Amino acid sequence: MEAAAEQGERESRTQMLTGTVLGIDHTDLFYRVCALCERTLSFPSGDDSDAPASSLCKFCHPHPASASSASKRLFRILMSVATETKVFSVICFDRVARVLFGCSADDFFHFAKLHPFCGVTVNEILEGEMFTMTLTKPLNGNARHLRLASAVPLSSTFQPIIQVLREYYTSSHTS
């Protein structure tokens, strides 16, 4: 009986739809976490440098095994999505974003250091792209946006973003 109630609650938090990406916030695509425990680390706003030693996780830092650990970046992308009847914002976290981008957030960050305007280009690549999306309501009561739990491109020609960017920046430098 409890399992059925839990299943019903999970289904009420999940919504599957077809939507079009209108745009993304390309100015804030990442956040940092401890490389060991993946707890969120706080950094000064706009800190794009590698993690200073003082920013090690307060939970892992005292342990000798974590002496060499640093932070890593994970994707957190705010997207505007449109359906036939509604426009709303969703948050796309690392698991789904890795599929769309075709790389880790750290890899994309290092690519973006070499190509500073690629965030704008990512927005242009995703704009108008249609997906079958699974959205979930946030478990945290303070959260404002739905979560993008999965995204399946409807276009048979969809390629991971990093692949499109590499082709774009390679061809633009050879022309």
N, C-alpha and C. Protein backbone atom coordinates (compact mmCIF):
# COMPACT_ATOMS: atom_id res chain seq x y z
N MET A 1 0.82 -1.19 0.00
CA MET A 1 0.00 0.00 0.00
C MET A 1 0.87 1.26 0.00
N GLU A 2 1.93 1.26 0.82
CA GLU A 2 2.82 2.42 0.88
C GLU A 2 3.54 2.62 -0.45
N ALA A 3 3.92 1.52 -1.10
CA ALA A 3 4.61 1.62 -2.38
C ALA A 3 3.71 2.26 -3.43
N ALA A 4 2.44 1.93 -3.43
CA ALA A 4 1.50 2.52 -4.39
C ALA A 4 1.33 4.01 -4.13
N ALA A 5 1.27 4.40 -2.86
CA ALA A 5 1.15 5.82 -2.52
C ALA A 5 2.40 6.58 -2.94
N GLU A 6 3.56 5.98 -2.71
CA GLU A 6 4.82 6.62 -3.10
C GLU A 6 4.90 6.76 -4.62
N GLN A 7 4.46 5.74 -5.36
CA GLN A 7 4.46 5.79 -6.82
C GLN A 7 3.52 6.90 -7.31
N GLY A 8 2.36 7.02 -6.70
CA GLY A 8 1.41 8.07 -7.08
C GLY A 8 1.96 9.45 -6.82
N GLU A 9 2.66 9.62 -5.69
CA GLU A 9 3.27 10.91 -5.37
C GLU A 9 4.37 11.25 -6.37
N ARG A 10 5.18 10.26 -6.76
CA ARG A 10 6.25 10.47 -7.72
C ARG A 10 5.67 10.89 -9.07
N GLU A 11 4.58 10.23 -9.50
CA GLU A 11 3.96 10.56 -10.78
C GLU A 11 3.36 11.95 -10.76
N SER A 12 2.85 12.41 -9.61
CA SER A 12 2.27 13.75 -9.55
C SER A 12 3.35 14.82 -9.61
N ARG A 13 4.59 14.47 -9.30
CA ARG A 13 5.70 15.42 -9.38
C ARG A 13 6.34 15.42 -10.77
N THR A 14 5.99 14.47 -11.62
CA THR A 14 6.63 14.31 -12.93
C THR A 14 5.66 14.67 -14.04
N GLN A 15 6.18 15.35 -15.06
CA GLN A 15 5.37 15.76 -16.19
C GLN A 15 6.18 15.55 -17.46
N MET A 16 5.60 14.89 -18.45
CA MET A 16 6.28 14.67 -19.72
C MET A 16 5.61 15.54 -20.78
N LEU A 17 6.43 16.25 -21.57
CA LEU A 17 5.87 17.14 -22.59
C LEU A 17 6.86 17.33 -23.72
N THR A 18 6.37 17.93 -24.80
CA THR A 18 7.22 18.32 -25.91
C THR A 18 7.37 19.83 -25.83
N GLY A 19 8.62 20.28 -25.84
CA GLY A 19 8.87 21.71 -25.70
C GLY A 19 10.01 22.18 -26.57
N THR A 20 10.04 23.48 -26.75
CA THR A 20 11.07 24.13 -27.55
C THR A 20 11.90 25.03 -26.65
N VAL A 21 13.20 24.96 -26.78
CA VAL A 21 14.09 25.83 -26.01
C VAL A 21 14.05 27.22 -26.64
N LEU A 22 13.71 28.21 -25.83
CA LEU A 22 13.70 29.60 -26.31
C LEU A 22 15.04 30.28 -26.06
N GLY A 23 15.72 29.86 -25.00
CA GLY A 23 17.00 30.46 -24.68
C GLY A 23 17.53 29.91 -23.37
N ILE A 24 18.81 30.19 -23.12
CA ILE A 24 19.43 29.79 -21.86
C ILE A 24 20.14 30.99 -21.27
N ASP A 25 20.39 30.93 -19.97
CA ASP A 25 21.22 31.94 -19.32
C ASP A 25 22.66 31.49 -19.50
N HIS A 26 23.33 32.04 -20.50
CA HIS A 26 24.69 31.61 -20.83
C HIS A 26 25.74 32.26 -19.95
N THR A 27 25.32 33.11 -19.02
CA THR A 27 26.29 33.79 -18.15
C THR A 27 26.60 33.00 -16.89
N ASP A 28 25.82 31.97 -16.60
CA ASP A 28 26.01 31.22 -15.36
C ASP A 28 25.67 29.75 -15.62
N LEU A 29 26.60 29.02 -16.21
CA LEU A 29 26.33 27.64 -16.62
C LEU A 29 26.81 26.59 -15.62
N PHE A 30 27.61 27.00 -14.62
CA PHE A 30 28.25 26.02 -13.74
C PHE A 30 28.10 26.39 -12.28
N TYR A 31 28.36 25.42 -11.45
CA TYR A 31 28.61 25.66 -10.03
C TYR A 31 29.68 24.68 -9.60
N ARG A 32 30.32 24.96 -8.48
CA ARG A 32 31.43 24.12 -8.03
C ARG A 32 31.01 23.23 -6.88
N VAL A 33 31.56 22.03 -6.89
CA VAL A 33 31.32 21.07 -5.82
C VAL A 33 32.64 20.44 -5.42
N CYS A 34 32.66 19.84 -4.25
CA CYS A 34 33.83 19.08 -3.81
C CYS A 34 33.98 17.88 -4.73
N ALA A 35 35.19 17.60 -5.14
CA ALA A 35 35.44 16.49 -6.05
C ALA A 35 35.19 15.13 -5.39
N LEU A 36 35.22 15.08 -4.06
CA LEU A 36 35.00 13.81 -3.36
C LEU A 36 33.54 13.59 -3.00
N CYS A 37 32.94 14.53 -2.29
CA CYS A 37 31.59 14.31 -1.76
C CYS A 37 30.50 15.03 -2.56
N GLU A 38 30.88 15.88 -3.49
CA GLU A 38 29.98 16.65 -4.34
C GLU A 38 29.06 17.60 -3.57
N ARG A 39 29.51 18.06 -2.42
CA ARG A 39 28.79 19.12 -1.71
C ARG A 39 29.11 20.44 -2.40
N THR A 40 28.11 21.30 -2.48
CA THR A 40 28.29 22.60 -3.12
C THR A 40 29.29 23.44 -2.35
N LEU A 41 30.21 24.06 -3.09
CA LEU A 41 31.20 24.95 -2.50
C LEU A 41 30.82 26.38 -2.85
N SER A 42 31.04 27.28 -1.94
CA SER A 42 30.73 28.68 -2.23
C SER A 42 32.00 29.40 -2.66
N PHE A 43 31.85 30.17 -3.72
CA PHE A 43 32.94 30.96 -4.27
C PHE A 43 32.43 32.37 -4.47
N PRO A 44 33.33 33.33 -4.50
CA PRO A 44 32.89 34.68 -4.83
C PRO A 44 32.21 34.69 -6.19
N SER A 45 31.24 35.54 -6.35
CA SER A 45 30.49 35.62 -7.60
C SER A 45 31.43 35.86 -8.77
N GLY A 46 31.24 35.08 -9.83
CA GLY A 46 32.03 35.24 -11.03
C GLY A 46 33.42 34.65 -10.96
N ASP A 47 33.71 33.81 -9.96
CA ASP A 47 35.04 33.22 -9.83
C ASP A 47 35.19 32.12 -10.87
N ASP A 48 35.98 32.39 -11.91
CA ASP A 48 36.20 31.42 -12.97
C ASP A 48 37.57 30.76 -12.88
N SER A 49 38.32 31.10 -11.87
CA SER A 49 39.66 30.54 -11.76
C SER A 49 39.60 29.15 -11.15
N ASP A 50 40.74 28.49 -11.15
CA ASP A 50 40.80 27.19 -10.48
C ASP A 50 40.69 27.41 -8.99
N ALA A 51 40.18 26.41 -8.30
CA ALA A 51 39.88 26.55 -6.87
C ALA A 51 41.14 26.82 -6.06
N PRO A 52 41.12 27.86 -5.23
CA PRO A 52 42.25 28.08 -4.33
C PRO A 52 42.23 27.03 -3.22
N ALA A 53 43.38 26.82 -2.60
CA ALA A 53 43.50 25.79 -1.57
C ALA A 53 42.54 26.03 -0.40
N SER A 54 42.22 27.28 -0.12
CA SER A 54 41.34 27.58 1.01
C SER A 54 39.88 27.21 0.73
N SER A 55 39.58 26.81 -0.50
CA SER A 55 38.20 26.51 -0.85
C SER A 55 37.87 25.02 -0.77
N LEU A 56 38.74 24.24 -0.17
CA LEU A 56 38.46 22.82 -0.05
C LEU A 56 37.23 22.60 0.82
N CYS A 57 36.57 21.51 0.59
CA CYS A 57 35.35 21.17 1.32
C CYS A 57 35.64 21.07 2.81
N LYS A 58 34.80 21.69 3.60
CA LYS A 58 34.98 21.66 5.05
C LYS A 58 34.75 20.27 5.63
N PHE A 59 34.02 19.43 4.90
CA PHE A 59 33.73 18.09 5.38
C PHE A 59 34.83 17.10 4.99
N CYS A 60 35.45 17.29 3.84
CA CYS A 60 36.46 16.35 3.35
C CYS A 60 37.88 16.79 3.65
N HIS A 61 38.10 18.08 3.82
CA HIS A 61 39.45 18.62 3.97
C HIS A 61 40.24 18.01 5.13
N PRO A 62 39.64 17.75 6.29
CA PRO A 62 40.43 17.19 7.39
C PRO A 62 40.95 15.78 7.13
N HIS A 63 40.38 15.08 6.17
CA HIS A 63 40.78 13.70 5.91
C HIS A 63 42.02 13.67 5.03
N PRO A 64 43.01 12.83 5.35
CA PRO A 64 44.25 12.79 4.58
C PRO A 64 44.04 12.40 3.12
N ALA A 65 43.05 11.58 2.84
CA ALA A 65 42.82 11.14 1.46
C ALA A 65 42.39 12.29 0.58
N SER A 66 41.86 13.35 1.17
CA SER A 66 41.35 14.46 0.38
C SER A 66 42.36 15.58 0.21
N ALA A 67 43.56 15.37 0.69
CA ALA A 67 44.56 16.44 0.63
C ALA A 67 44.79 16.91 -0.80
N SER A 68 44.70 16.01 -1.75
CA SER A 68 44.93 16.40 -3.13
C SER A 68 43.62 16.73 -3.85
N SER A 69 42.49 16.58 -3.16
CA SER A 69 41.22 16.84 -3.83
C SER A 69 41.01 18.32 -4.01
N ALA A 70 40.35 18.65 -5.05
CA ALA A 70 40.00 20.03 -5.33
C ALA A 70 38.51 20.06 -5.62
N SER A 71 38.11 21.04 -6.35
CA SER A 71 36.70 21.12 -6.71
C SER A 71 36.54 20.72 -8.17
N LYS A 72 35.31 20.51 -8.55
CA LYS A 72 34.99 20.29 -9.95
C LYS A 72 33.73 21.09 -10.25
N ARG A 73 33.50 21.32 -11.51
CA ARG A 73 32.32 22.06 -11.93
C ARG A 73 31.23 21.08 -12.36
N LEU A 74 30.00 21.47 -12.09
CA LEU A 74 28.84 20.74 -12.59
C LEU A 74 27.95 21.75 -13.31
N PHE A 75 27.23 21.27 -14.31
CA PHE A 75 26.32 22.15 -15.04
C PHE A 75 25.10 22.49 -14.18
N ARG A 76 24.64 23.72 -14.31
CA ARG A 76 23.35 24.17 -13.79
C ARG A 76 22.90 25.25 -14.76
N ILE A 77 21.96 24.90 -15.64
CA ILE A 77 21.59 25.78 -16.74
C ILE A 77 20.12 26.17 -16.60
N LEU A 78 19.88 27.46 -16.57
CA LEU A 78 18.52 27.98 -16.54
C LEU A 78 18.06 28.14 -17.99
N MET A 79 16.94 27.50 -18.33
CA MET A 79 16.42 27.52 -19.69
C MET A 79 15.00 28.05 -19.71
N SER A 80 14.67 28.76 -20.78
CA SER A 80 13.28 29.12 -21.05
C SER A 80 12.76 28.13 -22.07
N VAL A 81 11.61 27.53 -21.75
CA VAL A 81 11.03 26.49 -22.59
C VAL A 81 9.60 26.88 -22.93
N ALA A 82 9.20 26.59 -24.16
CA ALA A 82 7.83 26.87 -24.59
C ALA A 82 7.15 25.58 -25.02
N THR A 83 5.89 25.45 -24.61
CA THR A 83 5.04 24.38 -25.12
C THR A 83 3.98 25.05 -25.99
N GLU A 84 2.98 24.32 -26.40
CA GLU A 84 1.92 24.92 -27.22
C GLU A 84 1.17 26.02 -26.48
N THR A 85 1.08 25.89 -25.16
CA THR A 85 0.23 26.80 -24.40
C THR A 85 0.94 27.62 -23.34
N LYS A 86 2.21 27.36 -23.09
CA LYS A 86 2.85 27.96 -21.92
C LYS A 86 4.34 28.18 -22.16
N VAL A 87 4.88 29.22 -21.54
CA VAL A 87 6.32 29.47 -21.51
C VAL A 87 6.74 29.49 -20.05
N PHE A 88 7.82 28.77 -19.72
CA PHE A 88 8.27 28.72 -18.34
C PHE A 88 9.76 28.46 -18.29
N SER A 89 10.33 28.63 -17.11
CA SER A 89 11.75 28.40 -16.89
C SER A 89 11.96 27.05 -16.23
N VAL A 90 13.03 26.38 -16.64
CA VAL A 90 13.41 25.10 -16.03
C VAL A 90 14.90 25.14 -15.73
N ILE A 91 15.31 24.32 -14.78
CA ILE A 91 16.72 24.17 -14.45
C ILE A 91 17.19 22.82 -14.98
N CYS A 92 18.28 22.85 -15.69
CA CYS A 92 18.88 21.63 -16.24
C CYS A 92 20.19 21.40 -15.48
N PHE A 93 20.23 20.32 -14.70
CA PHE A 93 21.43 20.02 -13.93
C PHE A 93 22.35 19.09 -14.70
N ASP A 94 23.44 18.73 -14.08
CA ASP A 94 24.58 18.09 -14.72
C ASP A 94 24.25 16.82 -15.50
N ARG A 95 23.45 15.93 -14.96
CA ARG A 95 23.22 14.64 -15.61
C ARG A 95 22.60 14.83 -17.00
N VAL A 96 21.61 15.67 -17.11
CA VAL A 96 20.96 15.92 -18.40
C VAL A 96 21.83 16.83 -19.28
N ALA A 97 22.45 17.83 -18.67
CA ALA A 97 23.27 18.76 -19.44
C ALA A 97 24.47 18.06 -20.08
N ARG A 98 25.04 17.07 -19.41
CA ARG A 98 26.16 16.31 -19.99
C ARG A 98 25.74 15.64 -21.30
N VAL A 99 24.50 15.17 -21.35
CA VAL A 99 24.00 14.54 -22.57
C VAL A 99 23.85 15.59 -23.68
N LEU A 100 23.29 16.74 -23.34
CA LEU A 100 23.11 17.80 -24.33
C LEU A 100 24.44 18.39 -24.80
N PHE A 101 25.36 18.58 -23.86
CA PHE A 101 26.64 19.20 -24.19
C PHE A 101 27.65 18.19 -24.73
N GLY A 102 27.55 16.93 -24.35
CA GLY A 102 28.48 15.93 -24.82
C GLY A 102 29.83 15.97 -24.13
N CYS A 103 29.89 16.63 -22.98
CA CYS A 103 31.14 16.73 -22.23
C CYS A 103 30.82 17.14 -20.80
N SER A 104 31.84 17.12 -19.96
CA SER A 104 31.66 17.55 -18.57
C SER A 104 31.67 19.08 -18.51
N ALA A 105 31.21 19.61 -17.40
CA ALA A 105 31.22 21.06 -17.21
C ALA A 105 32.65 21.59 -17.18
N ASP A 106 33.57 20.83 -16.58
CA ASP A 106 34.98 21.26 -16.56
C ASP A 106 35.55 21.32 -17.98
N ASP A 107 35.24 20.31 -18.80
CA ASP A 107 35.73 20.32 -20.18
C ASP A 107 35.17 21.52 -20.95
N PHE A 108 33.88 21.79 -20.76
CA PHE A 108 33.28 22.93 -21.44
C PHE A 108 33.88 24.24 -20.94
N PHE A 109 34.13 24.34 -19.65
CA PHE A 109 34.74 25.54 -19.07
C PHE A 109 36.09 25.82 -19.73
N HIS A 110 36.92 24.79 -19.87
CA HIS A 110 38.24 24.98 -20.47
C HIS A 110 38.13 25.32 -21.95
N PHE A 111 37.15 24.76 -22.64
CA PHE A 111 36.90 25.12 -24.03
C PHE A 111 36.48 26.59 -24.11
N ALA A 112 35.62 27.01 -23.18
CA ALA A 112 35.11 28.38 -23.17
C ALA A 112 36.21 29.40 -22.85
N LYS A 113 37.23 28.99 -22.11
CA LYS A 113 38.34 29.90 -21.84
C LYS A 113 39.06 30.25 -23.14
N LEU A 114 39.12 29.31 -24.07
CA LEU A 114 39.76 29.55 -25.36
C LEU A 114 38.84 30.28 -26.34
N HIS A 115 37.54 30.12 -26.13
CA HIS A 115 36.53 30.71 -27.02
C HIS A 115 35.50 31.45 -26.16
N PRO A 116 35.82 32.68 -25.76
CA PRO A 116 35.01 33.39 -24.76
C PRO A 116 33.55 33.61 -25.12
N PHE A 117 33.20 33.61 -26.39
CA PHE A 117 31.81 33.88 -26.76
C PHE A 117 31.03 32.62 -27.06
N CYS A 118 31.57 31.47 -26.70
CA CYS A 118 30.87 30.22 -27.02
C CYS A 118 29.58 30.06 -26.21
N GLY A 119 29.46 30.74 -25.07
CA GLY A 119 28.20 30.69 -24.31
C GLY A 119 27.05 31.26 -25.12
N VAL A 120 27.31 32.35 -25.81
CA VAL A 120 26.29 32.95 -26.69
C VAL A 120 25.98 32.00 -27.83
N THR A 121 27.01 31.35 -28.35
CA THR A 121 26.81 30.40 -29.45
C THR A 121 26.00 29.20 -28.98
N VAL A 122 26.20 28.75 -27.75
CA VAL A 122 25.40 27.65 -27.20
C VAL A 122 23.93 28.05 -27.20
N ASN A 123 23.65 29.27 -26.80
CA ASN A 123 22.27 29.76 -26.80
C ASN A 123 21.70 29.70 -28.22
N GLU A 124 22.49 30.12 -29.20
CA GLU A 124 22.03 30.09 -30.59
C GLU A 124 21.81 28.66 -31.09
N ILE A 125 22.66 27.73 -30.65
CA ILE A 125 22.52 26.33 -31.05
C ILE A 125 21.23 25.74 -30.49
N LEU A 126 20.96 26.00 -29.22
CA LEU A 126 19.79 25.40 -28.57
C LEU A 126 18.48 26.12 -28.89
N GLU A 127 18.55 27.38 -29.28
CA GLU A 127 17.34 28.14 -29.55
C GLU A 127 16.53 27.49 -30.67
N GLY A 128 15.28 27.17 -30.36
CA GLY A 128 14.39 26.55 -31.34
C GLY A 128 14.47 25.04 -31.38
N GLU A 129 15.40 24.45 -30.65
CA GLU A 129 15.54 22.99 -30.64
C GLU A 129 14.38 22.39 -29.85
N MET A 130 13.76 21.36 -30.42
CA MET A 130 12.62 20.72 -29.77
C MET A 130 13.05 19.42 -29.10
N PHE A 131 12.49 19.20 -27.91
CA PHE A 131 12.81 18.02 -27.12
C PHE A 131 11.53 17.43 -26.53
N THR A 132 11.55 16.13 -26.33
CA THR A 132 10.58 15.51 -25.44
C THR A 132 11.22 15.58 -24.07
N MET A 133 10.56 16.25 -23.15
CA MET A 133 11.15 16.54 -21.85
C MET A 133 10.35 15.89 -20.73
N THR A 134 11.09 15.45 -19.74
CA THR A 134 10.47 15.03 -18.49
C THR A 134 10.84 16.07 -17.45
N LEU A 135 9.83 16.69 -16.88
CA LEU A 135 10.05 17.72 -15.86
C LEU A 135 9.59 17.19 -14.52
N THR A 136 10.30 17.59 -13.48
CA THR A 136 9.90 17.22 -12.13
C THR A 136 9.81 18.47 -11.27
N LYS A 137 8.92 18.41 -10.31
CA LYS A 137 8.82 19.50 -9.35
C LYS A 137 9.98 19.37 -8.37
N PRO A 138 10.54 20.49 -7.94
CA PRO A 138 11.67 20.41 -6.99
C PRO A 138 11.22 19.87 -5.64
N LEU A 139 12.09 19.09 -5.03
CA LEU A 139 11.81 18.57 -3.70
C LEU A 139 12.02 19.64 -2.64
N ASN A 140 12.91 20.58 -2.93
CA ASN A 140 13.19 21.68 -2.01
C ASN A 140 12.07 22.70 -2.12
N GLY A 141 11.45 23.03 -1.02
CA GLY A 141 10.35 23.97 -1.02
C GLY A 141 10.74 25.38 -1.41
N ASN A 142 12.02 25.72 -1.31
CA ASN A 142 12.48 27.06 -1.65
C ASN A 142 12.77 27.23 -3.14
N ALA A 143 12.88 26.14 -3.87
CA ALA A 143 13.24 26.20 -5.29
C ALA A 143 12.09 26.78 -6.11
N ARG A 144 12.44 27.56 -7.14
CA ARG A 144 11.42 28.24 -7.93
C ARG A 144 11.12 27.56 -9.26
N HIS A 145 12.06 26.79 -9.80
CA HIS A 145 11.92 26.29 -11.17
C HIS A 145 11.77 24.78 -11.20
N LEU A 146 11.04 24.32 -12.22
CA LEU A 146 10.94 22.89 -12.47
C LEU A 146 12.31 22.36 -12.86
N ARG A 147 12.55 21.07 -12.64
CA ARG A 147 13.81 20.42 -12.98
C ARG A 147 13.64 19.65 -14.28
N LEU A 148 14.62 19.75 -15.15
CA LEU A 148 14.63 18.97 -16.38
C LEU A 148 15.27 17.63 -16.06
N ALA A 149 14.45 16.58 -15.99
CA ALA A 149 14.94 15.25 -15.60
C ALA A 149 15.46 14.47 -16.80
N SER A 150 14.92 14.74 -17.99
CA SER A 150 15.43 14.12 -19.21
C SER A 150 15.02 14.97 -20.40
N ALA A 151 15.82 14.88 -21.44
CA ALA A 151 15.55 15.62 -22.67
C ALA A 151 15.98 14.76 -23.85
N VAL A 152 15.03 14.42 -24.70
CA VAL A 152 15.32 13.63 -25.89
C VAL A 152 15.07 14.52 -27.10
N PRO A 153 16.12 14.80 -27.89
CA PRO A 153 15.93 15.68 -29.06
C PRO A 153 14.99 15.05 -30.07
N LEU A 154 14.13 15.87 -30.65
CA LEU A 154 13.21 15.38 -31.68
C LEU A 154 13.86 15.41 -33.06
N SER A 155 14.91 16.19 -33.22
CA SER A 155 15.61 16.28 -34.49
C SER A 155 16.57 15.10 -34.64
N SER A 156 16.52 14.46 -35.78
CA SER A 156 17.44 13.34 -36.02
C SER A 156 18.85 13.84 -36.30
N THR A 157 19.01 15.13 -36.55
CA THR A 157 20.33 15.70 -36.84
C THR A 157 20.97 16.35 -35.62
N PHE A 158 20.34 16.23 -34.45
CA PHE A 158 20.89 16.84 -33.24
C PHE A 158 22.26 16.25 -32.93
N GLN A 159 23.21 17.12 -32.63
CA GLN A 159 24.56 16.71 -32.22
C GLN A 159 24.86 17.36 -30.88
N PRO A 160 25.69 16.71 -30.06
CA PRO A 160 26.08 17.35 -28.80
C PRO A 160 26.68 18.73 -29.04
N ILE A 161 26.42 19.63 -28.15
CA ILE A 161 26.82 21.03 -28.31
C ILE A 161 28.32 21.18 -28.50
N ILE A 162 29.12 20.45 -27.74
CA ILE A 162 30.57 20.60 -27.85
C ILE A 162 31.05 20.21 -29.24
N GLN A 163 30.42 19.23 -29.84
CA GLN A 163 30.78 18.80 -31.19
C GLN A 163 30.47 19.91 -32.20
N VAL A 164 29.32 20.53 -32.07
CA VAL A 164 28.94 21.63 -32.97
C VAL A 164 29.89 22.81 -32.77
N LEU A 165 30.22 23.11 -31.52
CA LEU A 165 31.13 24.23 -31.24
C LEU A 165 32.52 23.98 -31.82
N ARG A 166 33.02 22.77 -31.67
CA ARG A 166 34.35 22.46 -32.21
C ARG A 166 34.36 22.62 -33.73
N GLU A 167 33.31 22.15 -34.39
CA GLU A 167 33.23 22.32 -35.84
C GLU A 167 33.13 23.80 -36.21
N TYR A 168 32.33 24.55 -35.46
CA TYR A 168 32.13 25.97 -35.73
C TYR A 168 33.43 26.75 -35.57
N TYR A 169 34.12 26.54 -34.45
CA TYR A 169 35.34 27.31 -34.20
C TYR A 169 36.50 26.84 -35.06
N THR A 170 36.50 25.58 -35.48
CA THR A 170 37.54 25.11 -36.40
C THR A 170 37.32 25.72 -37.77
N SER A 171 36.08 25.72 -38.24
CA SER A 171 35.80 26.26 -39.58
C SER A 171 35.93 27.77 -39.61
N SER A 172 35.60 28.46 -38.51
CA SER A 172 35.70 29.92 -38.52
C SER A 172 37.15 30.39 -38.47
N HIS A 173 38.05 29.55 -37.94
CA HIS A 173 39.46 29.94 -37.90
C HIS A 173 40.20 29.58 -39.18
N THR A 174 39.66 28.64 -39.94
CA THR A 174 40.33 28.27 -41.19
C THR A 174 39.85 29.10 -42.36
N SER A 175 38.73 29.80 -42.19
CA SER A 175 38.19 30.62 -43.29
C SER A 175 38.88 31.95 -43.38
